[in-house]
Amino acid sequence: MRRRTGTGPDEQARFSGVREVLTYNWPMYAAGCLAVGAGLAISYRLPRPAARLARAGAAAAAALLTSSTAATWWVYDQSELRTFDWLEDLLPAGPGEHLVVSSGLDEASRPVAARWPEHPQKVVDLYDRATMTEGSIRRARRRVPPVPGTLAGRLDRLPAATGSVDTVLVVFAAHELRRADDRQKLFAEFARVLRPGGRLVLVEHLRDAANTAVYGPGAQHFFPRRTWLDAAAGAGLGPVAERRIGVLVTAFAFAFTPTANPTAAPTGKCFTP
């Protein structure tokens, strides 16, 4: 397992901020601006009741654009998410030998390596062009390419031996797997590669009241809290800690107990890089 010894001056060591998020998702924001402009423009050509509806729609679209942009700025530019201080609450002794798993955009490996340079790190990318077709992922991947030495992985076969790591870090990556059976396979792999007592740290936005209030219909891209608890339980991973970050992001820590792991792959079928 290779060791990461920190970040160079030209390497990104924090999460993308609001500017990068706007760049990754510019078609959605452009559509929102177009809806605002179109609603206002046609309102002047409509009878009064319809004009009021058109202006109300434009105002609602403008409010959603404003709230989502402000929320993104708060979480990614101002909250403790970008400093990784929250991770010490979930991993008081640090990550140890750890696996960072991404799905096209890896923004965790560099800051974690910089914070714990003596803890061996392996980075795995699950990006699959055939199934992860959203334009935002392609744009983000071009802007933030995988770190040197990143290993290609499959959701049902991570490039790590059974019981070989202390921690698996999955930061804004698991929600890219939209099918429940795919998530089940991936969580079984997390359990397989963890040592007894090892931890899975999962970081995601949730489909909850807070995210829906600021992101509107966009919050449907997130999964409810129960989705992650069920996926972990199905792989024999029990919750040990939960941390809210910047109001809108949740970090879970799950511990692996071998005797409670009903679905992980048998050790005789492990994949060793």
C-alpha atoms as a PDB file:
ATOM      1  CA  MET A   1       0.000   0.000   0.000  1.00  0.00           C
ATOM      2  CA  ARG A   2       1.471   3.337  -1.011  1.00  0.00           C
ATOM      3  CA  ARG A   3       1.956   6.275   1.329  1.00  0.00           C
ATOM      4  CA  ARG A   4       0.802   9.780   0.574  1.00  0.00           C
ATOM      5  CA  THR A   5       3.109  12.401   2.040  1.00  0.00           C
ATOM      6  CA  GLY A   6       1.050  15.556   1.610  1.00  0.00           C
ATOM      7  CA  THR A   7       0.030  17.821  -1.220  1.00  0.00           C
ATOM      8  CA  GLY A   8       2.103  19.871  -3.565  1.00  0.00           C
ATOM      9  CA  PRO A   9       1.501  23.596  -4.110  1.00  0.00           C
ATOM     10  CA  ASP A  10      -0.425  22.977  -7.294  1.00  0.00           C
ATOM     11  CA  GLU A  11      -2.711  20.329  -5.842  1.00  0.00           C
ATOM     12  CA  GLN A  12      -6.231  21.024  -4.641  1.00  0.00           C
ATOM     13  CA  ALA A  13      -6.493  20.227  -0.911  1.00  0.00           C
ATOM     14  CA  ARG A  14     -10.087  21.238  -0.231  1.00  0.00           C
ATOM     15  CA  PHE A  15     -13.569  20.731  -1.548  1.00  0.00           C
ATOM     16  CA  SER A  16     -14.791  22.643  -4.564  1.00  0.00           C
ATOM     17  CA  GLY A  17     -16.452  25.899  -3.585  1.00  0.00           C
ATOM     18  CA  VAL A  18     -19.524  27.555  -5.013  1.00  0.00           C
ATOM     19  CA  ARG A  19     -17.603  28.708  -8.103  1.00  0.00           C
ATOM     20  CA  GLU A  20     -16.653  25.152  -9.018  1.00  0.00           C
ATOM     21  CA  VAL A  21     -20.123  23.802  -8.251  1.00  0.00           C
ATOM     22  CA  LEU A  22     -21.619  26.399 -10.597  1.00  0.00           C
ATOM     23  CA  THR A  23     -19.123  25.327 -13.249  1.00  0.00           C
ATOM     24  CA  TYR A  24     -19.988  21.637 -12.888  1.00  0.00           C
ATOM     25  CA  ASN A  25     -23.739  22.310 -12.980  1.00  0.00           C
ATOM     26  CA  TRP A  26     -23.951  25.368 -15.235  1.00  0.00           C
ATOM     27  CA  PRO A  27     -26.735  23.980 -17.501  1.00  0.00           C
ATOM     28  CA  MET A  28     -29.064  23.656 -14.495  1.00  0.00           C
ATOM     29  CA  TYR A  29     -28.320  27.198 -13.325  1.00  0.00           C
ATOM     30  CA  ALA A  30     -28.641  28.515 -16.876  1.00  0.00           C
ATOM     31  CA  ALA A  31     -32.049  26.850 -17.166  1.00  0.00           C
ATOM     32  CA  GLY A  32     -33.096  28.477 -13.899  1.00  0.00           C
ATOM     33  CA  CYS A  33     -32.037  31.923 -15.101  1.00  0.00           C
ATOM     34  CA  LEU A  34     -33.839  31.333 -18.388  1.00  0.00           C
ATOM     35  CA  ALA A  35     -37.008  30.385 -16.511  1.00  0.00           C
ATOM     36  CA  VAL A  36     -36.830  33.598 -14.494  1.00  0.00           C
ATOM     37  CA  GLY A  37     -36.301  35.734 -17.585  1.00  0.00           C
ATOM     38  CA  ALA A  38     -38.959  33.963 -19.632  1.00  0.00           C
ATOM     39  CA  GLY A  39     -41.522  34.191 -16.851  1.00  0.00           C
ATOM     40  CA  LEU A  40     -41.012  37.924 -16.484  1.00  0.00           C
ATOM     41  CA  ALA A  41     -40.954  38.532 -20.252  1.00  0.00           C
ATOM     42  CA  ILE A  42     -44.190  36.712 -21.049  1.00  0.00           C
ATOM     43  CA  SER A  43     -45.970  38.199 -18.031  1.00  0.00           C
ATOM     44  CA  TYR A  44     -46.196  41.514 -19.880  1.00  0.00           C
ATOM     45  CA  ARG A  45     -48.081  39.838 -22.749  1.00  0.00           C
ATOM     46  CA  LEU A  46     -50.600  37.947 -20.632  1.00  0.00           C
ATOM     47  CA  PRO A  47     -53.930  38.915 -19.054  1.00  0.00           C
ATOM     48  CA  ARG A  48     -53.638  40.050 -15.454  1.00  0.00           C
ATOM     49  CA  PRO A  49     -54.425  36.700 -13.683  1.00  0.00           C
ATOM     50  CA  ALA A  50     -52.034  34.760 -15.920  1.00  0.00           C
ATOM     51  CA  ALA A  51     -49.415  37.500 -15.642  1.00  0.00           C
ATOM     52  CA  ARG A  52     -49.501  37.199 -11.875  1.00  0.00           C
ATOM     53  CA  LEU A  53     -48.939  33.469 -12.122  1.00  0.00           C
ATOM     54  CA  ALA A  54     -46.029  33.972 -14.524  1.00  0.00           C
ATOM     55  CA  ARG A  55     -44.404  36.514 -12.196  1.00  0.00           C
ATOM     56  CA  ALA A  56     -44.958  34.245  -9.215  1.00  0.00           C
ATOM     57  CA  GLY A  57     -43.272  31.394 -11.076  1.00  0.00           C
ATOM     58  CA  ALA A  58     -40.342  33.630 -11.998  1.00  0.00           C
ATOM     59  CA  ALA A  59     -40.035  34.765  -8.386  1.00  0.00           C
ATOM     60  CA  ALA A  60     -40.077  31.175  -7.148  1.00  0.00           C
ATOM     61  CA  ALA A  61     -37.345  30.187  -9.626  1.00  0.00           C
ATOM     62  CA  ALA A  62     -35.249  33.199  -8.597  1.00  0.00           C
ATOM     63  CA  ALA A  63     -35.690  32.328  -4.920  1.00  0.00           C
ATOM     64  CA  LEU A  64     -34.616  28.741  -5.546  1.00  0.00           C
ATOM     65  CA  LEU A  65     -31.522  29.866  -7.471  1.00  0.00           C
ATOM     66  CA  THR A  66     -30.621  32.250  -4.667  1.00  0.00           C
ATOM     67  CA  SER A  67     -31.178  29.779  -1.843  1.00  0.00           C
ATOM     68  CA  SER A  68     -29.319  26.910  -3.517  1.00  0.00           C
ATOM     69  CA  THR A  69     -26.349  29.119  -4.395  1.00  0.00           C
ATOM     70  CA  ALA A  70     -26.211  30.595  -0.882  1.00  0.00           C
ATOM     71  CA  ALA A  71     -26.459  27.143   0.684  1.00  0.00           C
ATOM     72  CA  THR A  72     -23.679  25.804  -1.531  1.00  0.00           C
ATOM     73  CA  TRP A  73     -21.462  28.764  -0.624  1.00  0.00           C
ATOM     74  CA  TRP A  74     -22.126  28.229   3.073  1.00  0.00           C
ATOM     75  CA  VAL A  75     -21.445  24.479   3.064  1.00  0.00           C
ATOM     76  CA  TYR A  76     -18.499  24.296   0.672  1.00  0.00           C
ATOM     77  CA  ASP A  77     -16.779  27.651   1.218  1.00  0.00           C
ATOM     78  CA  GLN A  78     -17.510  28.542   4.840  1.00  0.00           C
ATOM     79  CA  SER A  79     -18.360  25.474   6.928  1.00  0.00           C
ATOM     80  CA  GLU A  80     -15.961  23.049   8.583  1.00  0.00           C
ATOM     81  CA  LEU A  81     -16.547  20.594   5.746  1.00  0.00           C
ATOM     82  CA  ARG A  82     -13.567  22.038   3.877  1.00  0.00           C
ATOM     83  CA  THR A  83     -11.191  21.768   6.871  1.00  0.00           C
ATOM     84  CA  PHE A  84     -11.918  18.109   7.719  1.00  0.00           C
ATOM     85  CA  ASP A  85     -12.023  19.000  11.433  1.00  0.00           C
ATOM     86  CA  TRP A  86     -15.248  16.963  11.626  1.00  0.00           C
ATOM     87  CA  LEU A  87     -13.391  13.775  10.681  1.00  0.00           C
ATOM     88  CA  GLU A  88     -11.452  13.781  13.937  1.00  0.00           C
ATOM     89  CA  ASP A  89     -14.761  13.438  15.804  1.00  0.00           C
ATOM     90  CA  LEU A  90     -15.504  10.249  13.854  1.00  0.00           C
ATOM     91  CA  LEU A  91     -11.924   8.929  13.800  1.00  0.00           C
ATOM     92  CA  PRO A  92     -10.188  10.195  16.961  1.00  0.00           C
ATOM     93  CA  ALA A  93      -7.029   8.172  16.218  1.00  0.00           C
ATOM     94  CA  GLY A  94      -7.026   9.074  12.538  1.00  0.00           C
ATOM     95  CA  PRO A  95      -7.898   6.868   9.563  1.00  0.00           C
ATOM     96  CA  GLY A  96      -4.964   4.437   9.849  1.00  0.00           C
ATOM     97  CA  GLU A  97      -4.540   2.408   6.684  1.00  0.00           C
ATOM     98  CA  HIS A  98      -7.424   3.725   4.659  1.00  0.00           C
ATOM     99  CA  LEU A  99      -9.216   3.502   1.353  1.00  0.00           C
ATOM    100  CA  VAL A 100     -10.688   6.620  -0.267  1.00  0.00           C
ATOM    101  CA  VAL A 101     -13.490   5.679  -2.678  1.00  0.00           C
ATOM    102  CA  SER A 102     -14.802   8.174  -5.224  1.00  0.00           C
ATOM    103  CA  SER A 103     -17.195   8.068  -8.182  1.00  0.00           C
ATOM    104  CA  GLY A 104     -15.638  10.444 -10.667  1.00  0.00           C
ATOM    105  CA  LEU A 105     -14.697  13.364  -8.403  1.00  0.00           C
ATOM    106  CA  ASP A 106     -12.160  12.771  -5.631  1.00  0.00           C
ATOM    107  CA  GLU A 107     -11.861  15.726  -3.274  1.00  0.00           C
ATOM    108  CA  ALA A 108     -11.117  13.770  -0.086  1.00  0.00           C
ATOM    109  CA  SER A 109      -7.807  11.997  -0.685  1.00  0.00           C
ATOM    110  CA  ARG A 110      -5.595  15.093  -0.839  1.00  0.00           C
ATOM    111  CA  PRO A 111      -6.829  16.849   2.321  1.00  0.00           C
ATOM    112  CA  VAL A 112      -6.887  13.579   4.269  1.00  0.00           C
ATOM    113  CA  ALA A 113      -3.351  12.749   3.152  1.00  0.00           C
ATOM    114  CA  ALA A 114      -2.196  16.251   4.083  1.00  0.00           C
ATOM    115  CA  ARG A 115      -3.782  15.992   7.535  1.00  0.00           C
ATOM    116  CA  TRP A 116      -2.506  12.473   8.288  1.00  0.00           C
ATOM    117  CA  PRO A 117       0.627  12.107   6.126  1.00  0.00           C
ATOM    118  CA  GLU A 118       1.881   9.022   7.999  1.00  0.00           C
ATOM    119  CA  HIS A 119      -1.306   7.035   7.507  1.00  0.00           C
ATOM    120  CA  PRO A 120      -1.111   4.817   4.382  1.00  0.00           C
ATOM    121  CA  GLN A 121      -3.698   5.693   1.770  1.00  0.00           C
ATOM    122  CA  LYS A 122      -5.064   3.972  -1.310  1.00  0.00           C
ATOM    123  CA  VAL A 123      -7.443   5.794  -3.685  1.00  0.00           C
ATOM    124  CA  VAL A 124     -10.078   3.980  -5.747  1.00  0.00           C
ATOM    125  CA  ASP A 125     -12.290   5.494  -8.439  1.00  0.00           C
ATOM    126  CA  LEU A 126     -15.558   3.757  -9.327  1.00  0.00           C
ATOM    127  CA  TYR A 127     -16.373   6.074 -12.226  1.00  0.00           C
ATOM    128  CA  ASP A 128     -18.173   4.230 -15.022  1.00  0.00           C
ATOM    129  CA  ARG A 129     -18.874   6.316 -18.108  1.00  0.00           C
ATOM    130  CA  ALA A 130     -21.644   3.946 -19.189  1.00  0.00           C
ATOM    131  CA  THR A 131     -23.734   4.285 -16.028  1.00  0.00           C
ATOM    132  CA  MET A 132     -22.664   7.652 -14.582  1.00  0.00           C
ATOM    133  CA  THR A 133     -23.855   9.757 -17.470  1.00  0.00           C
ATOM    134  CA  GLU A 134     -24.595  13.104 -15.813  1.00  0.00           C
ATOM    135  CA  GLY A 135     -22.797  16.013 -17.436  1.00  0.00           C
ATOM    136  CA  SER A 136     -21.815  17.445 -14.056  1.00  0.00           C
ATOM    137  CA  ILE A 137     -19.642  14.400 -13.314  1.00  0.00           C
ATOM    138  CA  ARG A 138     -17.865  14.632 -16.664  1.00  0.00           C
ATOM    139  CA  ARG A 139     -17.182  18.343 -16.192  1.00  0.00           C
ATOM    140  CA  ALA A 140     -15.986  17.838 -12.615  1.00  0.00           C
ATOM    141  CA  ARG A 141     -13.700  14.994 -13.679  1.00  0.00           C
ATOM    142  CA  ARG A 142     -12.086  17.173 -16.323  1.00  0.00           C
ATOM    143  CA  ARG A 143     -11.512  19.960 -13.799  1.00  0.00           C
ATOM    144  CA  VAL A 144     -10.280  17.714 -10.965  1.00  0.00           C
ATOM    145  CA  PRO A 145      -8.619  14.641 -12.525  1.00  0.00           C
ATOM    146  CA  PRO A 146      -7.839  11.603 -10.352  1.00  0.00           C
ATOM    147  CA  VAL A 147      -4.702  11.860  -8.239  1.00  0.00           C
ATOM    148  CA  PRO A 148      -1.663   9.967  -9.557  1.00  0.00           C
ATOM    149  CA  GLY A 149      -1.801   6.316  -8.621  1.00  0.00           C
ATOM    150  CA  THR A 150      -5.594   6.147  -8.370  1.00  0.00           C
ATOM    151  CA  LEU A 151      -6.860   2.610  -8.950  1.00  0.00           C
ATOM    152  CA  ALA A 152      -9.891   1.793 -11.043  1.00  0.00           C
ATOM    153  CA  GLY A 153     -12.459  -0.203  -9.096  1.00  0.00           C
ATOM    154  CA  ARG A 154     -15.805  -1.890  -9.554  1.00  0.00           C
ATOM    155  CA  LEU A 155     -18.676  -1.615  -7.134  1.00  0.00           C
ATOM    156  CA  ASP A 156     -18.596  -5.405  -6.647  1.00  0.00           C
ATOM    157  CA  ARG A 157     -14.804  -5.718  -6.601  1.00  0.00           C
ATOM    158  CA  LEU A 158     -12.662  -3.145  -4.835  1.00  0.00           C
ATOM    159  CA  PRO A 159      -8.894  -3.432  -5.443  1.00  0.00           C
ATOM    160  CA  ALA A 160      -8.069  -4.299  -1.834  1.00  0.00           C
ATOM    161  CA  ALA A 161      -7.594  -7.541   0.041  1.00  0.00           C
ATOM    162  CA  THR A 162     -10.080  -8.846   2.566  1.00  0.00           C
ATOM    163  CA  GLY A 163      -9.585  -7.304   6.018  1.00  0.00           C
ATOM    164  CA  SER A 164      -6.770  -5.037   4.830  1.00  0.00           C
ATOM    165  CA  VAL A 165      -7.834  -1.492   5.862  1.00  0.00           C
ATOM    166  CA  ASP A 166      -8.799   0.325   9.039  1.00  0.00           C
ATOM    167  CA  THR A 167     -11.074   2.882   7.375  1.00  0.00           C
ATOM    168  CA  VAL A 168     -13.027   3.353   4.163  1.00  0.00           C
ATOM    169  CA  LEU A 169     -13.865   6.970   3.309  1.00  0.00           C
ATOM    170  CA  VAL A 170     -16.733   7.583   0.876  1.00  0.00           C
ATOM    171  CA  VAL A 171     -17.336  11.310   0.482  1.00  0.00           C
ATOM    172  CA  PHE A 172     -20.176  12.439  -1.832  1.00  0.00           C
ATOM    173  CA  ALA A 173     -19.683   9.321  -3.945  1.00  0.00           C
ATOM    174  CA  ALA A 174     -22.177   6.610  -2.952  1.00  0.00           C
ATOM    175  CA  HIS A 175     -25.246   8.548  -4.155  1.00  0.00           C
ATOM    176  CA  GLU A 176     -24.006   8.174  -7.738  1.00  0.00           C
ATOM    177  CA  LEU A 177     -25.130   4.533  -7.507  1.00  0.00           C
ATOM    178  CA  ARG A 178     -28.835   4.966  -8.189  1.00  0.00           C
ATOM    179  CA  ARG A 179     -29.866   1.298  -7.950  1.00  0.00           C
ATOM    180  CA  ALA A 180     -30.381  -0.335  -4.554  1.00  0.00           C
ATOM    181  CA  ASP A 181     -28.732  -3.618  -5.603  1.00  0.00           C
ATOM    182  CA  ASP A 182     -25.618  -1.719  -6.724  1.00  0.00           C
ATOM    183  CA  ARG A 183     -25.396  -0.011  -3.349  1.00  0.00           C
ATOM    184  CA  GLN A 184     -25.842  -3.377  -1.632  1.00  0.00           C
ATOM    185  CA  LYS A 185     -22.914  -4.834  -3.567  1.00  0.00           C
ATOM    186  CA  LEU A 186     -20.711  -1.845  -2.785  1.00  0.00           C
ATOM    187  CA  PHE A 187     -21.456  -1.891   0.944  1.00  0.00           C
ATOM    188  CA  ALA A 188     -20.719  -5.614   1.020  1.00  0.00           C
ATOM    189  CA  GLU A 189     -17.327  -4.771  -0.473  1.00  0.00           C
ATOM    190  CA  PHE A 190     -16.759  -2.115   2.184  1.00  0.00           C
ATOM    191  CA  ALA A 191     -17.382  -4.748   4.846  1.00  0.00           C
ATOM    192  CA  ARG A 192     -15.082  -7.231   3.108  1.00  0.00           C
ATOM    193  CA  VAL A 193     -12.038  -4.948   2.973  1.00  0.00           C
ATOM    194  CA  LEU A 194     -12.407  -3.602   6.532  1.00  0.00           C
ATOM    195  CA  ARG A 195     -10.546  -5.152   9.425  1.00  0.00           C
ATOM    196  CA  PRO A 196     -12.632  -6.194  12.452  1.00  0.00           C
ATOM    197  CA  GLY A 197     -13.603  -3.002  14.233  1.00  0.00           C
ATOM    198  CA  GLY A 198     -12.749  -0.922  11.149  1.00  0.00           C
ATOM    199  CA  ARG A 199     -14.940   2.012  10.183  1.00  0.00           C
ATOM    200  CA  LEU A 200     -16.785   3.161   7.115  1.00  0.00           C
ATOM    201  CA  VAL A 201     -17.144   6.961   6.992  1.00  0.00           C
ATOM    202  CA  LEU A 202     -19.911   8.016   4.613  1.00  0.00           C
ATOM    203  CA  VAL A 203     -20.586  11.686   3.827  1.00  0.00           C
ATOM    204  CA  GLU A 204     -23.703  12.751   1.919  1.00  0.00           C
ATOM    205  CA  HIS A 205     -26.422  15.332   1.570  1.00  0.00           C
ATOM    206  CA  LEU A 206     -29.737  13.799   2.617  1.00  0.00           C
ATOM    207  CA  ARG A 207     -33.192  14.079   1.145  1.00  0.00           C
ATOM    208  CA  ASP A 208     -34.599  15.808   4.194  1.00  0.00           C
ATOM    209  CA  ALA A 209     -36.437  18.983   5.150  1.00  0.00           C
ATOM    210  CA  ALA A 210     -33.317  21.173   5.345  1.00  0.00           C
ATOM    211  CA  ASN A 211     -31.939  20.195   1.924  1.00  0.00           C
ATOM    212  CA  THR A 212     -35.367  20.325   0.284  1.00  0.00           C
ATOM    213  CA  ALA A 213     -35.915  23.830   1.646  1.00  0.00           C
ATOM    214  CA  VAL A 214     -32.818  25.216  -0.076  1.00  0.00           C
ATOM    215  CA  TYR A 215     -32.397  22.935  -3.096  1.00  0.00           C
ATOM    216  CA  GLY A 216     -36.045  22.335  -3.936  1.00  0.00           C
ATOM    217  CA  PRO A 217     -36.565  19.543  -6.488  1.00  0.00           C
ATOM    218  CA  GLY A 218     -32.780  19.133  -6.692  1.00  0.00           C
ATOM    219  CA  ALA A 219     -32.864  17.431  -3.285  1.00  0.00           C
ATOM    220  CA  GLN A 220     -34.497  14.425  -4.966  1.00  0.00           C
ATOM    221  CA  HIS A 221     -31.016  13.506  -6.220  1.00  0.00           C
ATOM    222  CA  PHE A 222     -30.056  12.809  -2.597  1.00  0.00           C
ATOM    223  CA  PHE A 223     -31.181   9.712  -0.694  1.00  0.00           C
ATOM    224  CA  PRO A 224     -33.023   9.674   2.654  1.00  0.00           C
ATOM    225  CA  ARG A 225     -31.119   8.864   5.830  1.00  0.00           C
ATOM    226  CA  ARG A 226     -32.852   5.479   6.023  1.00  0.00           C
ATOM    227  CA  THR A 227     -31.332   4.437   2.676  1.00  0.00           C
ATOM    228  CA  TRP A 228     -27.807   4.618   4.104  1.00  0.00           C
ATOM    229  CA  LEU A 229     -28.705   3.003   7.420  1.00  0.00           C
ATOM    230  CA  ASP A 230     -30.356   0.091   5.608  1.00  0.00           C
ATOM    231  CA  ALA A 231     -27.451  -0.330   3.158  1.00  0.00           C
ATOM    232  CA  ALA A 232     -24.977  -0.444   6.046  1.00  0.00           C
ATOM    233  CA  ALA A 233     -27.089  -2.829   8.115  1.00  0.00           C
ATOM    234  CA  GLY A 234     -27.412  -5.189   5.150  1.00  0.00           C
ATOM    235  CA  ALA A 235     -23.628  -5.484   5.048  1.00  0.00           C
ATOM    236  CA  GLY A 236     -23.211  -5.976   8.788  1.00  0.00           C
ATOM    237  CA  LEU A 237     -22.029  -2.424   9.441  1.00  0.00           C
ATOM    238  CA  GLY A 238     -23.421  -0.885  12.600  1.00  0.00           C
ATOM    239  CA  PRO A 239     -23.779   2.883  13.204  1.00  0.00           C
ATOM    240  CA  VAL A 240     -21.402   4.263  15.845  1.00  0.00           C
ATOM    241  CA  ALA A 241     -21.479   8.016  15.190  1.00  0.00           C
ATOM    242  CA  GLU A 242     -23.316  10.623  13.142  1.00  0.00           C
ATOM    243  CA  ARG A 243     -22.246  14.210  12.595  1.00  0.00           C
ATOM    244  CA  ARG A 244     -24.093  17.090  10.936  1.00  0.00           C
ATOM    245  CA  ILE A 245     -21.821  19.438   8.975  1.00  0.00           C
ATOM    246  CA  GLY A 246     -22.919  22.911   7.942  1.00  0.00           C
ATOM    247  CA  VAL A 247     -26.570  21.959   8.594  1.00  0.00           C
ATOM    248  CA  LEU A 248     -26.971  20.350   5.155  1.00  0.00           C
ATOM    249  CA  VAL A 249     -24.386  17.537   5.124  1.00  0.00           C
ATOM    250  CA  THR A 250     -24.350  14.382   7.263  1.00  0.00           C
ATOM    251  CA  ALA A 251     -21.302  12.266   8.063  1.00  0.00           C
ATOM    252  CA  PHE A 252     -21.940   8.710   9.266  1.00  0.00           C
ATOM    253  CA  ALA A 253     -19.464   6.325  10.883  1.00  0.00           C
ATOM    254  CA  PHE A 254     -20.269   2.605  10.740  1.00  0.00           C
ATOM    255  CA  ALA A 255     -18.219  -0.119  12.423  1.00  0.00           C
ATOM    256  CA  PHE A 256     -17.601  -3.577  10.983  1.00  0.00           C
ATOM    257  CA  THR A 257     -18.256  -6.601  13.198  1.00  0.00           C
ATOM    258  CA  PRO A 258     -17.444  -9.859  11.339  1.00  0.00           C
ATOM    259  CA  THR A 259     -20.037 -12.014  13.107  1.00  0.00           C
ATOM    260  CA  ALA A 260     -22.795  -9.592  12.044  1.00  0.00           C
ATOM    261  CA  ASN A 261     -21.837  -9.503   8.373  1.00  0.00           C
ATOM    262  CA  PRO A 262     -24.309 -11.633   6.402  1.00  0.00           C
ATOM    263  CA  THR A 263     -23.702 -10.412   2.844  1.00  0.00           C
ATOM    264  CA  ALA A 264     -19.983  -9.694   2.392  1.00  0.00           C
ATOM    265  CA  ALA A 265     -18.156 -11.804  -0.176  1.00  0.00           C
ATOM    266  CA  PRO A 266     -16.408 -14.946   1.162  1.00  0.00           C
ATOM    267  CA  THR A 267     -12.723 -14.422   1.898  1.00  0.00           C
ATOM    268  CA  GLY A 268     -11.768 -17.096  -0.624  1.00  0.00           C
ATOM    269  CA  LYS A 269     -13.095 -14.856  -3.413  1.00  0.00           C
ATOM    270  CA  CYS A 270     -11.358 -11.626  -2.476  1.00  0.00           C
ATOM    271  CA  PHE A 271      -9.619  -9.504  -5.054  1.00  0.00           C
ATOM    272  CA  THR A 272      -6.032  -8.631  -4.242  1.00  0.00           C
ATOM    273  CA  PRO A 273      -4.364  -5.894  -6.314  1.00  0.00           C
END
